[in-house]
Amino acid sequence: MIRSPPASTLVAKSSACGESASSKNDSPDWTSAPARVVPGFFPPELVVQIKALACELPATHGVPLSHWNTPDIARQVCNAGLVATISGSTIWRWLHADAIRPWYHRSWIFPRDPAFATKASRILDLYERTWKDKPLKDDEFVISADEKTSIQARRRKHPTLPAAPKRPMRVEHEYGRCGAWAYIAALDVHHARVFGRCETTTGIAPLIVWLSKS
């Protein structure tokens, strides 16, 4: 929860001669009016509150964002009345100094398979060149393969014209469809070799035939 830091201002009454009335035995008046902050100076309480906000999910504050960035945080603290104005770069410096980077995020899928650990351990063993507690032989390889389905082959109805003086390249908008292909790619994990080819269909059968010939 964001709380506005208590800001009390000492208000001095001025006299007609320009002196401060507080020098004439008048007691100062403490009000709850927002303090006038020196430009570029922010109280430590505000810095702490902004860092706390950066560690919370935007949905906690009813903001329809998946994660914060510094301009979003700046708008949020201004809308909450914590400060009249503040720049995203100022907030960035505070968060960067504390290694809090809400603009970074990592996609994550929580395992739902009860046997996830068992299945994952097989993959990790292969990366270590081990299978069923035995090291792989020199003529055995670990291949990581995947396929990109339905790659549209298109042909422009008119050839592309190269750029010319005072004229950019011209690319025809209309095209004709020339069918679809499936691209199969594979990575030789331990030799860092990537290779691939196009097939007319997907599935395990063309993949096995292709790998057997590679």
C-alpha atoms as a PDB file:
ATOM      1  CA  MET A   1       0.000   0.000   0.000  1.00  0.00           C
ATOM      2  CA  ILE A   2       1.305   3.426  -0.895  1.00  0.00           C
ATOM      3  CA  ARG A   3       1.036   5.993   1.840  1.00  0.00           C
ATOM      4  CA  SER A   4       1.660   9.667   1.306  1.00  0.00           C
ATOM      5  CA  PRO A   5       4.510  10.826   3.556  1.00  0.00           C
ATOM      6  CA  PRO A   6       3.435  13.394   6.138  1.00  0.00           C
ATOM      7  CA  ALA A   7       4.495  16.794   4.871  1.00  0.00           C
ATOM      8  CA  SER A   8       4.239  19.703   7.285  1.00  0.00           C
ATOM      9  CA  THR A   9       5.262  23.192   6.327  1.00  0.00           C
ATOM     10  CA  LEU A  10       6.330  25.946   8.633  1.00  0.00           C
ATOM     11  CA  VAL A  11       4.329  28.976   7.491  1.00  0.00           C
ATOM     12  CA  ALA A  12       5.743  32.310   8.573  1.00  0.00           C
ATOM     13  CA  LYS A  13       3.429  35.313   8.647  1.00  0.00           C
ATOM     14  CA  SER A  14       4.970  38.416   7.054  1.00  0.00           C
ATOM     15  CA  SER A  15       4.453  41.916   8.405  1.00  0.00           C
ATOM     16  CA  ALA A  16       3.930  45.095   6.457  1.00  0.00           C
ATOM     17  CA  CYS A  17       7.572  46.098   6.848  1.00  0.00           C
ATOM     18  CA  GLY A  18       8.723  42.884   5.298  1.00  0.00           C
ATOM     19  CA  GLU A  19       9.893  41.209   8.490  1.00  0.00           C
ATOM     20  CA  SER A  20       8.847  37.756   9.347  1.00  0.00           C
ATOM     21  CA  ALA A  21       6.076  37.855  11.885  1.00  0.00           C
ATOM     22  CA  SER A  22       7.605  34.838  13.563  1.00  0.00           C
ATOM     23  CA  SER A  23      10.372  37.123  14.832  1.00  0.00           C
ATOM     24  CA  LYS A  24       7.817  39.151  16.792  1.00  0.00           C
ATOM     25  CA  ASN A  25       6.877  36.473  19.289  1.00  0.00           C
ATOM     26  CA  ASP A  26       4.262  35.036  16.954  1.00  0.00           C
ATOM     27  CA  SER A  27       4.181  31.272  17.213  1.00  0.00           C
ATOM     28  CA  PRO A  28       4.605  29.519  13.841  1.00  0.00           C
ATOM     29  CA  ASP A  29       1.613  27.876  12.244  1.00  0.00           C
ATOM     30  CA  TRP A  30       2.139  24.206  11.264  1.00  0.00           C
ATOM     31  CA  THR A  31      -0.149  23.208   8.445  1.00  0.00           C
ATOM     32  CA  SER A  32      -0.639  20.033   6.486  1.00  0.00           C
ATOM     33  CA  ALA A  33      -0.158  21.845   3.175  1.00  0.00           C
ATOM     34  CA  PRO A  34       2.209  20.093   0.760  1.00  0.00           C
ATOM     35  CA  ALA A  35       5.800  21.140   1.324  1.00  0.00           C
ATOM     36  CA  ARG A  36       7.578  23.090  -1.362  1.00  0.00           C
ATOM     37  CA  VAL A  37      10.316  20.740  -2.456  1.00  0.00           C
ATOM     38  CA  VAL A  38      13.557  22.111  -3.831  1.00  0.00           C
ATOM     39  CA  PRO A  39      13.787  21.148  -7.528  1.00  0.00           C
ATOM     40  CA  GLY A  40      15.762  17.941  -7.902  1.00  0.00           C
ATOM     41  CA  PHE A  41      15.430  17.031  -4.207  1.00  0.00           C
ATOM     42  CA  PHE A  42      13.138  14.263  -3.010  1.00  0.00           C
ATOM     43  CA  PRO A  43      12.769  13.131   0.606  1.00  0.00           C
ATOM     44  CA  PRO A  44      14.026   9.625   1.464  1.00  0.00           C
ATOM     45  CA  GLU A  45      10.482   8.560   2.378  1.00  0.00           C
ATOM     46  CA  LEU A  46       9.354   9.137  -1.204  1.00  0.00           C
ATOM     47  CA  VAL A  47      12.280   7.143  -2.601  1.00  0.00           C
ATOM     48  CA  VAL A  48      11.399   4.216  -0.327  1.00  0.00           C
ATOM     49  CA  GLN A  49       7.731   4.321  -1.352  1.00  0.00           C
ATOM     50  CA  ILE A  50       8.577   4.346  -5.058  1.00  0.00           C
ATOM     51  CA  LYS A  51      10.909   1.374  -4.608  1.00  0.00           C
ATOM     52  CA  ALA A  52       8.142  -0.459  -2.778  1.00  0.00           C
ATOM     53  CA  LEU A  53       5.732   0.293  -5.625  1.00  0.00           C
ATOM     54  CA  ALA A  54       8.219  -1.065  -8.168  1.00  0.00           C
ATOM     55  CA  CYS A  55       8.224  -4.395  -6.314  1.00  0.00           C
ATOM     56  CA  GLU A  56       4.424  -4.747  -6.517  1.00  0.00           C
ATOM     57  CA  LEU A  57       2.361  -6.004  -9.423  1.00  0.00           C
ATOM     58  CA  PRO A  58       0.454  -3.303 -11.334  1.00  0.00           C
ATOM     59  CA  ALA A  59      -2.797  -5.237 -10.842  1.00  0.00           C
ATOM     60  CA  THR A  60      -2.482  -4.524  -7.103  1.00  0.00           C
ATOM     61  CA  HIS A  61      -3.198  -0.881  -7.910  1.00  0.00           C
ATOM     62  CA  GLY A  62      -5.812  -1.548 -10.557  1.00  0.00           C
ATOM     63  CA  VAL A  63      -3.456  -0.737 -13.421  1.00  0.00           C
ATOM     64  CA  PRO A  64      -4.019  -2.899 -16.547  1.00  0.00           C
ATOM     65  CA  LEU A  65      -0.324  -3.708 -17.109  1.00  0.00           C
ATOM     66  CA  SER A  66       1.610  -6.952 -16.903  1.00  0.00           C
ATOM     67  CA  HIS A  67       4.686  -5.243 -15.460  1.00  0.00           C
ATOM     68  CA  TRP A  68       5.891  -1.746 -14.581  1.00  0.00           C
ATOM     69  CA  ASN A  69       8.270   0.450 -16.501  1.00  0.00           C
ATOM     70  CA  THR A  70       9.669   3.697 -15.181  1.00  0.00           C
ATOM     71  CA  PRO A  71       7.249   6.048 -17.020  1.00  0.00           C
ATOM     72  CA  ASP A  72       4.343   3.958 -15.668  1.00  0.00           C
ATOM     73  CA  ILE A  73       5.710   4.266 -12.136  1.00  0.00           C
ATOM     74  CA  ALA A  74       6.159   8.019 -12.569  1.00  0.00           C
ATOM     75  CA  ARG A  75       2.523   8.410 -13.663  1.00  0.00           C
ATOM     76  CA  GLN A  76       1.308   6.208 -10.815  1.00  0.00           C
ATOM     77  CA  VAL A  77       3.064   8.148  -8.049  1.00  0.00           C
ATOM     78  CA  CYS A  78       1.880  11.449  -9.513  1.00  0.00           C
ATOM     79  CA  ASN A  79      -1.712  10.190  -9.735  1.00  0.00           C
ATOM     80  CA  ALA A  80      -1.459   8.979  -6.137  1.00  0.00           C
ATOM     81  CA  GLY A  81      -0.449  12.466  -5.045  1.00  0.00           C
ATOM     82  CA  LEU A  82       2.932  11.439  -3.668  1.00  0.00           C
ATOM     83  CA  VAL A  83       4.726  14.035  -5.746  1.00  0.00           C
ATOM     84  CA  ALA A  84       3.653  16.746  -8.181  1.00  0.00           C
ATOM     85  CA  THR A  85       6.053  15.728 -10.923  1.00  0.00           C
ATOM     86  CA  ILE A  86       8.940  13.321 -11.364  1.00  0.00           C
ATOM     87  CA  SER A  87      10.720  11.921 -14.399  1.00  0.00           C
ATOM     88  CA  GLY A  88      11.109   8.303 -15.359  1.00  0.00           C
ATOM     89  CA  SER A  89      14.876   8.772 -15.604  1.00  0.00           C
ATOM     90  CA  THR A  90      15.040   9.804 -11.941  1.00  0.00           C
ATOM     91  CA  ILE A  91      13.127   6.687 -10.931  1.00  0.00           C
ATOM     92  CA  TRP A  92      15.375   4.615 -13.184  1.00  0.00           C
ATOM     93  CA  ARG A  93      18.477   5.866 -11.348  1.00  0.00           C
ATOM     94  CA  TRP A  94      17.003   4.993  -7.948  1.00  0.00           C
ATOM     95  CA  LEU A  95      15.951   1.512  -8.983  1.00  0.00           C
ATOM     96  CA  HIS A  96      19.152   0.807 -10.918  1.00  0.00           C
ATOM     97  CA  ALA A  97      21.218   1.737  -7.862  1.00  0.00           C
ATOM     98  CA  ASP A  98      19.273  -0.836  -5.821  1.00  0.00           C
ATOM     99  CA  ALA A  99      19.322  -3.488  -8.590  1.00  0.00           C
ATOM    100  CA  ILE A 100      15.507  -3.356  -8.816  1.00  0.00           C
ATOM    101  CA  ARG A 101      14.567  -3.497 -12.494  1.00  0.00           C
ATOM    102  CA  PRO A 102      10.796  -3.937 -12.928  1.00  0.00           C
ATOM    103  CA  TRP A 103      11.113  -3.273 -16.669  1.00  0.00           C
ATOM    104  CA  TYR A 104      12.931  -6.615 -16.941  1.00  0.00           C
ATOM    105  CA  HIS A 105      10.782  -9.705 -17.006  1.00  0.00           C
ATOM    106  CA  ARG A 106      11.242 -13.344 -17.804  1.00  0.00           C
ATOM    107  CA  SER A 107       8.610 -15.590 -19.319  1.00  0.00           C
ATOM    108  CA  TRP A 108       7.963 -18.589 -17.142  1.00  0.00           C
ATOM    109  CA  ILE A 109       5.791 -21.688 -17.298  1.00  0.00           C
ATOM    110  CA  PHE A 110       5.131 -23.504 -14.058  1.00  0.00           C
ATOM    111  CA  PRO A 111       5.427 -27.282 -14.517  1.00  0.00           C
ATOM    112  CA  ARG A 112       2.044 -29.022 -14.536  1.00  0.00           C
ATOM    113  CA  ASP A 113       3.230 -32.549 -15.327  1.00  0.00           C
ATOM    114  CA  PRO A 114       3.677 -34.650 -12.143  1.00  0.00           C
ATOM    115  CA  ALA A 115       6.540 -36.457 -13.903  1.00  0.00           C
ATOM    116  CA  PHE A 116       8.246 -33.233 -14.983  1.00  0.00           C
ATOM    117  CA  ALA A 117      11.398 -33.816 -12.925  1.00  0.00           C
ATOM    118  CA  THR A 118      11.861 -37.330 -14.316  1.00  0.00           C
ATOM    119  CA  LYS A 119      11.400 -36.209 -17.927  1.00  0.00           C
ATOM    120  CA  ALA A 120      13.556 -33.118 -17.531  1.00  0.00           C
ATOM    121  CA  SER A 121      16.390 -35.144 -16.008  1.00  0.00           C
ATOM    122  CA  ARG A 122      16.640 -37.186 -19.223  1.00  0.00           C
ATOM    123  CA  ILE A 123      17.121 -34.033 -21.259  1.00  0.00           C
ATOM    124  CA  LEU A 124      19.711 -32.703 -18.837  1.00  0.00           C
ATOM    125  CA  ASP A 125      21.565 -36.014 -18.978  1.00  0.00           C
ATOM    126  CA  LEU A 126      21.709 -35.808 -22.772  1.00  0.00           C
ATOM    127  CA  TYR A 127      23.168 -32.324 -22.566  1.00  0.00           C
ATOM    128  CA  GLU A 128      25.823 -33.870 -20.351  1.00  0.00           C
ATOM    129  CA  ARG A 129      26.306 -36.600 -22.992  1.00  0.00           C
ATOM    130  CA  THR A 130      24.906 -39.272 -20.713  1.00  0.00           C
ATOM    131  CA  TRP A 131      22.084 -41.751 -21.288  1.00  0.00           C
ATOM    132  CA  LYS A 132      20.884 -44.236 -18.666  1.00  0.00           C
ATOM    133  CA  ASP A 133      23.930 -43.467 -16.541  1.00  0.00           C
ATOM    134  CA  LYS A 134      26.304 -44.319 -19.395  1.00  0.00           C
ATOM    135  CA  PRO A 135      28.356 -41.824 -21.412  1.00  0.00           C
ATOM    136  CA  LEU A 136      27.527 -41.437 -25.088  1.00  0.00           C
ATOM    137  CA  LYS A 137      29.904 -42.883 -27.665  1.00  0.00           C
ATOM    138  CA  ASP A 138      31.860 -40.765 -30.116  1.00  0.00           C
ATOM    139  CA  ASP A 139      29.501 -41.654 -32.982  1.00  0.00           C
ATOM    140  CA  GLU A 140      26.369 -40.729 -31.007  1.00  0.00           C
ATOM    141  CA  PHE A 141      24.911 -37.251 -31.298  1.00  0.00           C
ATOM    142  CA  VAL A 142      22.315 -35.192 -29.473  1.00  0.00           C
ATOM    143  CA  ILE A 143      19.994 -33.358 -31.877  1.00  0.00           C
ATOM    144  CA  SER A 144      17.420 -30.760 -30.859  1.00  0.00           C
ATOM    145  CA  ALA A 145      14.887 -30.347 -33.685  1.00  0.00           C
ATOM    146  CA  ASP A 146      11.741 -28.352 -34.308  1.00  0.00           C
ATOM    147  CA  GLU A 147       9.575 -27.345 -37.235  1.00  0.00           C
ATOM    148  CA  LYS A 148       8.041 -24.153 -38.553  1.00  0.00           C
ATOM    149  CA  THR A 149       4.752 -24.997 -40.183  1.00  0.00           C
ATOM    150  CA  SER A 150       2.893 -23.376 -43.063  1.00  0.00           C
ATOM    151  CA  ILE A 151       5.472 -20.960 -44.437  1.00  0.00           C
ATOM    152  CA  GLN A 152       3.661 -19.132 -47.216  1.00  0.00           C
ATOM    153  CA  ALA A 153       5.506 -18.962 -50.540  1.00  0.00           C
ATOM    154  CA  ARG A 154       4.498 -15.730 -52.269  1.00  0.00           C
ATOM    155  CA  ARG A 155       5.414 -14.149 -55.575  1.00  0.00           C
ATOM    156  CA  ARG A 156       4.971 -10.427 -56.234  1.00  0.00           C
ATOM    157  CA  LYS A 157       2.850  -9.644 -59.298  1.00  0.00           C
ATOM    158  CA  HIS A 158       5.480  -7.135 -60.447  1.00  0.00           C
ATOM    159  CA  PRO A 159       9.231  -7.218 -59.813  1.00  0.00           C
ATOM    160  CA  THR A 160      10.708  -4.999 -57.135  1.00  0.00           C
ATOM    161  CA  LEU A 161      12.274  -1.820 -58.487  1.00  0.00           C
ATOM    162  CA  PRO A 162      15.607  -0.732 -56.965  1.00  0.00           C
ATOM    163  CA  ALA A 163      16.103   2.612 -55.313  1.00  0.00           C
ATOM    164  CA  ALA A 164      17.033   5.545 -57.539  1.00  0.00           C
ATOM    165  CA  PRO A 165      17.929   9.189 -56.984  1.00  0.00           C
ATOM    166  CA  LYS A 166      15.073  10.845 -55.071  1.00  0.00           C
ATOM    167  CA  ARG A 167      13.089   7.606 -55.181  1.00  0.00           C
ATOM    168  CA  PRO A 168      12.943   4.778 -52.620  1.00  0.00           C
ATOM    169  CA  MET A 169      12.756   1.114 -53.487  1.00  0.00           C
ATOM    170  CA  ARG A 170       9.338   0.144 -54.829  1.00  0.00           C
ATOM    171  CA  VAL A 171       7.819  -3.166 -53.750  1.00  0.00           C
ATOM    172  CA  GLU A 172       4.595  -4.395 -55.316  1.00  0.00           C
ATOM    173  CA  HIS A 173       1.826  -4.734 -52.776  1.00  0.00           C
ATOM    174  CA  GLU A 174      -0.121  -7.508 -54.499  1.00  0.00           C
ATOM    175  CA  TYR A 175       1.171 -11.048 -54.659  1.00  0.00           C
ATOM    176  CA  GLY A 176       0.141 -14.540 -55.664  1.00  0.00           C
ATOM    177  CA  ARG A 177       0.209 -17.561 -53.360  1.00  0.00           C
ATOM    178  CA  CYS A 178       2.524 -20.369 -54.411  1.00  0.00           C
ATOM    179  CA  GLY A 179       1.655 -22.908 -51.741  1.00  0.00           C
ATOM    180  CA  ALA A 180       3.015 -23.563 -48.259  1.00  0.00           C
ATOM    181  CA  TRP A 181       6.126 -25.285 -46.941  1.00  0.00           C
ATOM    182  CA  ALA A 182       7.260 -26.629 -43.602  1.00  0.00           C
ATOM    183  CA  TYR A 183      10.749 -25.708 -42.447  1.00  0.00           C
ATOM    184  CA  ILE A 184      12.503 -28.243 -40.239  1.00  0.00           C
ATOM    185  CA  ALA A 185      15.557 -27.097 -38.313  1.00  0.00           C
ATOM    186  CA  ALA A 186      17.911 -28.960 -36.012  1.00  0.00           C
ATOM    187  CA  LEU A 187      20.771 -28.141 -33.660  1.00  0.00           C
ATOM    188  CA  ASP A 188      23.700 -30.424 -33.058  1.00  0.00           C
ATOM    189  CA  VAL A 189      23.925 -29.619 -29.358  1.00  0.00           C
ATOM    190  CA  HIS A 190      27.545 -30.521 -28.704  1.00  0.00           C
ATOM    191  CA  HIS A 191      29.039 -29.322 -31.992  1.00  0.00           C
ATOM    192  CA  ALA A 192      27.023 -26.082 -32.301  1.00  0.00           C
ATOM    193  CA  ARG A 193      25.876 -26.865 -35.851  1.00  0.00           C
ATOM    194  CA  VAL A 194      22.496 -25.663 -37.109  1.00  0.00           C
ATOM    195  CA  PHE A 195      20.984 -27.155 -40.255  1.00  0.00           C
ATOM    196  CA  GLY A 196      17.552 -27.293 -41.816  1.00  0.00           C
ATOM    197  CA  ARG A 197      15.497 -27.880 -44.920  1.00  0.00           C
ATOM    198  CA  CYS A 198      12.004 -27.375 -46.338  1.00  0.00           C
ATOM    199  CA  GLU A 199       9.492 -30.211 -46.568  1.00  0.00           C
ATOM    200  CA  THR A 200       6.026 -30.410 -48.098  1.00  0.00           C
ATOM    201  CA  THR A 201       4.565 -31.766 -44.879  1.00  0.00           C
ATOM    202  CA  THR A 202       5.287 -31.939 -41.168  1.00  0.00           C
ATOM    203  CA  GLY A 203       5.448 -34.874 -38.801  1.00  0.00           C
ATOM    204  CA  ILE A 204       7.916 -37.298 -37.325  1.00  0.00           C
ATOM    205  CA  ALA A 205       8.316 -39.321 -40.556  1.00  0.00           C
ATOM    206  CA  PRO A 206       9.955 -36.603 -42.712  1.00  0.00           C
ATOM    207  CA  LEU A 207      12.010 -35.550 -39.705  1.00  0.00           C
ATOM    208  CA  ILE A 208      13.466 -39.036 -39.219  1.00  0.00           C
ATOM    209  CA  VAL A 209      14.160 -39.459 -42.942  1.00  0.00           C
ATOM    210  CA  TRP A 210      15.884 -36.094 -43.070  1.00  0.00           C
ATOM    211  CA  LEU A 211      18.030 -36.704 -39.974  1.00  0.00           C
ATOM    212  CA  SER A 212      19.054 -40.136 -41.249  1.00  0.00           C
ATOM    213  CA  LYS A 213      20.405 -38.495 -44.418  1.00  0.00           C
ATOM    214  CA  SER A 214      22.118 -35.603 -42.664  1.00  0.00           C
END
